[in-house]
Amino acid sequence: MPCDSQTNTLSQLQSAYLEFKLGELQRQLEQLILISQL
């Protein structure tokens, strides 16, 4: 059982990290689009 909860926490951390990185990429893309429209 402890192993399961550890894996669950790890996957939660991974998904939170992925969401964070996706947000970063989205902002970078928006900035690039704004720059290219100038």
PDB file of N, CA and C in Angstrom:
ATOM      1  N   MET A   1       0.812  -1.221   0.000  1.00  0.00           N
ATOM      2  CA  MET A   1       0.000   0.000   0.000  1.00  0.00           C
ATOM      3  C   MET A   1       0.846   1.272   0.000  1.00  0.00           C
ATOM      4  N   PRO A   2       1.892   1.370   0.843  1.00  0.00           N
ATOM      5  CA  PRO A   2       2.696   2.600   0.814  1.00  0.00           C
ATOM      6  C   PRO A   2       3.278   2.864  -0.583  1.00  0.00           C
ATOM      7  N   CYS A   3       3.620   1.776  -1.260  1.00  0.00           N
ATOM      8  CA  CYS A   3       4.188   1.916  -2.598  1.00  0.00           C
ATOM      9  C   CYS A   3       3.168   2.568  -3.535  1.00  0.00           C
ATOM     10  N   ASP A   4       1.911   2.158  -3.429  1.00  0.00           N
ATOM     11  CA  ASP A   4       0.857   2.721  -4.275  1.00  0.00           C
ATOM     12  C   ASP A   4       0.710   4.216  -4.040  1.00  0.00           C
ATOM     13  N   SER A   5       0.675   4.623  -2.777  1.00  0.00           N
ATOM     14  CA  SER A   5       0.496   6.043  -2.480  1.00  0.00           C
ATOM     15  C   SER A   5       1.705   6.842  -2.969  1.00  0.00           C
ATOM     16  N   GLN A   6       2.886   6.243  -2.891  1.00  0.00           N
ATOM     17  CA  GLN A   6       4.084   6.922  -3.402  1.00  0.00           C
ATOM     18  C   GLN A   6       3.959   7.144  -4.907  1.00  0.00           C
ATOM     19  N   THR A   7       3.533   6.101  -5.626  1.00  0.00           N
ATOM     20  CA  THR A   7       3.380   6.213  -7.064  1.00  0.00           C
ATOM     21  C   THR A   7       2.331   7.259  -7.401  1.00  0.00           C
ATOM     22  N   ASN A   8       1.238   7.277  -6.632  1.00  0.00           N
ATOM     23  CA  ASN A   8       0.176   8.234  -6.865  1.00  0.00           C
ATOM     24  C   ASN A   8       0.694   9.658  -6.689  1.00  0.00           C
ATOM     25  N   THR A   9       1.450   9.893  -5.619  1.00  0.00           N
ATOM     26  CA  THR A   9       2.005  11.221  -5.374  1.00  0.00           C
ATOM     27  C   THR A   9       2.940  11.614  -6.508  1.00  0.00           C
ATOM     28  N   LEU A  10       3.726  10.659  -6.961  1.00  0.00           N
ATOM     29  CA  LEU A  10       4.664  10.939  -8.042  1.00  0.00           C
ATOM     30  C   LEU A  10       3.929  11.345  -9.312  1.00  0.00           C
ATOM     31  N   SER A  11       2.882  10.605  -9.655  1.00  0.00           N
ATOM     32  CA  SER A  11       2.138  10.927 -10.872  1.00  0.00           C
ATOM     33  C   SER A  11       1.435  12.273 -10.724  1.00  0.00           C
ATOM     34  N   GLN A  12       0.974  12.589  -9.512  1.00  0.00           N
ATOM     35  CA  GLN A  12       0.351  13.891  -9.290  1.00  0.00           C
ATOM     36  C   GLN A  12       1.373  14.999  -9.494  1.00  0.00           C
ATOM     37  N   LEU A  13       2.583  14.784  -8.977  1.00  0.00           N
ATOM     38  CA  LEU A  13       3.653  15.772  -9.155  1.00  0.00           C
ATOM     39  C   LEU A  13       3.988  15.937 -10.628  1.00  0.00           C
ATOM     40  N   GLN A  14       4.067  14.813 -11.345  1.00  0.00           N
ATOM     41  CA  GLN A  14       4.401  14.861 -12.766  1.00  0.00           C
ATOM     42  C   GLN A  14       3.347  15.630 -13.549  1.00  0.00           C
ATOM     43  N   SER A  15       2.069  15.371 -13.264  1.00  0.00           N
ATOM     44  CA  SER A  15       1.014  16.055 -14.009  1.00  0.00           C
ATOM     45  C   SER A  15       1.002  17.543 -13.673  1.00  0.00           C
ATOM     46  N   ALA A  16       1.251  17.880 -12.407  1.00  0.00           N
ATOM     47  CA  ALA A  16       1.312  19.292 -12.026  1.00  0.00           C
ATOM     48  C   ALA A  16       2.475  19.967 -12.736  1.00  0.00           C
ATOM     49  N   TYR A  17       3.619  19.286 -12.808  1.00  0.00           N
ATOM     50  CA  TYR A  17       4.788  19.828 -13.490  1.00  0.00           C
ATOM     51  C   TYR A  17       4.514  20.024 -14.974  1.00  0.00           C
ATOM     52  N   LEU A  18       3.862  19.035 -15.592  1.00  0.00           N
ATOM     53  CA  LEU A  18       3.536  19.132 -17.009  1.00  0.00           C
ATOM     54  C   LEU A  18       2.600  20.302 -17.273  1.00  0.00           C
ATOM     55  N   GLU A  19       1.603  20.481 -16.407  1.00  0.00           N
ATOM     56  CA  GLU A  19       0.683  21.598 -16.570  1.00  0.00           C
ATOM     57  C   GLU A  19       1.440  22.912 -16.474  1.00  0.00           C
ATOM     58  N   PHE A  20       2.375  22.997 -15.535  1.00  0.00           N
ATOM     59  CA  PHE A  20       3.181  24.201 -15.369  1.00  0.00           C
ATOM     60  C   PHE A  20       4.005  24.478 -16.621  1.00  0.00           C
ATOM     61  N   LYS A  21       4.671  23.448 -17.141  1.00  0.00           N
ATOM     62  CA  LYS A  21       5.497  23.616 -18.341  1.00  0.00           C
ATOM     63  C   LYS A  21       4.644  24.002 -19.549  1.00  0.00           C
ATOM     64  N   LEU A  22       3.448  23.414 -19.654  1.00  0.00           N
ATOM     65  CA  LEU A  22       2.556  23.759 -20.754  1.00  0.00           C
ATOM     66  C   LEU A  22       2.160  25.224 -20.680  1.00  0.00           C
ATOM     67  N   GLY A  23       1.890  25.703 -19.466  1.00  0.00           N
ATOM     68  CA  GLY A  23       1.548  27.108 -19.290  1.00  0.00           C
ATOM     69  C   GLY A  23       2.696  28.008 -19.730  1.00  0.00           C
ATOM     70  N   GLU A  24       3.916  27.622 -19.369  1.00  0.00           N
ATOM     71  CA  GLU A  24       5.094  28.384 -19.772  1.00  0.00           C
ATOM     72  C   GLU A  24       5.212  28.426 -21.294  1.00  0.00           C
ATOM     73  N   LEU A  25       5.065  27.268 -21.939  1.00  0.00           N
ATOM     74  CA  LEU A  25       5.158  27.203 -23.388  1.00  0.00           C
ATOM     75  C   LEU A  25       4.085  28.054 -24.051  1.00  0.00           C
ATOM     76  N   GLN A  26       2.877  28.024 -23.491  1.00  0.00           N
ATOM     77  CA  GLN A  26       1.780  28.801 -24.048  1.00  0.00           C
ATOM     78  C   GLN A  26       2.114  30.283 -24.015  1.00  0.00           C
ATOM     79  N   ARG A  27       2.653  30.750 -22.889  1.00  0.00           N
ATOM     80  CA  ARG A  27       3.002  32.171 -22.788  1.00  0.00           C
ATOM     81  C   ARG A  27       4.088  32.528 -23.781  1.00  0.00           C
ATOM     82  N   GLN A  28       5.080  31.665 -23.948  1.00  0.00           N
ATOM     83  CA  GLN A  28       6.151  31.922 -24.906  1.00  0.00           C
ATOM     84  C   GLN A  28       5.586  32.005 -26.320  1.00  0.00           C
ATOM     85  N   LEU A  29       4.670  31.092 -26.651  1.00  0.00           N
ATOM     86  CA  LEU A  29       4.056  31.105 -27.973  1.00  0.00           C
ATOM     87  C   LEU A  29       3.278  32.393 -28.200  1.00  0.00           C
ATOM     88  N   GLU A  30       2.513  32.810 -27.188  1.00  0.00           N
ATOM     89  CA  GLU A  30       1.739  34.041 -27.317  1.00  0.00           C
ATOM     90  C   GLU A  30       2.659  35.223 -27.549  1.00  0.00           C
ATOM     91  N   GLN A  31       3.796  35.256 -26.850  1.00  0.00           N
ATOM     92  CA  GLN A  31       4.751  36.344 -27.031  1.00  0.00           C
ATOM     93  C   GLN A  31       5.315  36.324 -28.447  1.00  0.00           C
ATOM     94  N   LEU A  32       5.635  35.138 -28.942  1.00  0.00           N
ATOM     95  CA  LEU A  32       6.176  35.030 -30.297  1.00  0.00           C
ATOM     96  C   LEU A  32       5.161  35.509 -31.322  1.00  0.00           C
ATOM     97  N   ILE A  33       3.897  35.150 -31.131  1.00  0.00           N
ATOM     98  CA  ILE A  33       2.849  35.562 -32.047  1.00  0.00           C
ATOM     99  C   ILE A  33       2.712  37.079 -32.025  1.00  0.00           C
ATOM    100  N   LEU A  34       2.724  37.660 -30.829  1.00  0.00           N
ATOM    101  CA  LEU A  34       2.622  39.116 -30.716  1.00  0.00           C
ATOM    102  C   LEU A  34       3.785  39.788 -31.433  1.00  0.00           C
ATOM    103  N   ILE A  35       5.000  39.264 -31.234  1.00  0.00           N
ATOM    104  CA  ILE A  35       6.180  39.849 -31.872  1.00  0.00           C
ATOM    105  C   ILE A  35       6.078  39.745 -33.396  1.00  0.00           C
ATOM    106  N   SER A  36       5.620  38.596 -33.878  1.00  0.00           N
ATOM    107  CA  SER A  36       5.553  38.397 -35.330  1.00  0.00           C
ATOM    108  C   SER A  36       4.472  39.259 -35.968  1.00  0.00           C
ATOM    109  N   GLN A  37       3.502  39.716 -35.168  1.00  0.00           N
ATOM    110  CA  GLN A  37       2.431  40.538 -35.732  1.00  0.00           C
ATOM    111  C   GLN A  37       2.821  42.013 -35.819  1.00  0.00           C
ATOM    112  N   LEU A  38       3.918  42.398 -35.130  1.00  0.00           N
ATOM    113  CA  LEU A  38       4.336  43.802 -35.157  1.00  0.00           C
ATOM    114  C   LEU A  38       4.757  44.247 -36.561  1.00  0.00           C
TER     115      LEU A  38
END
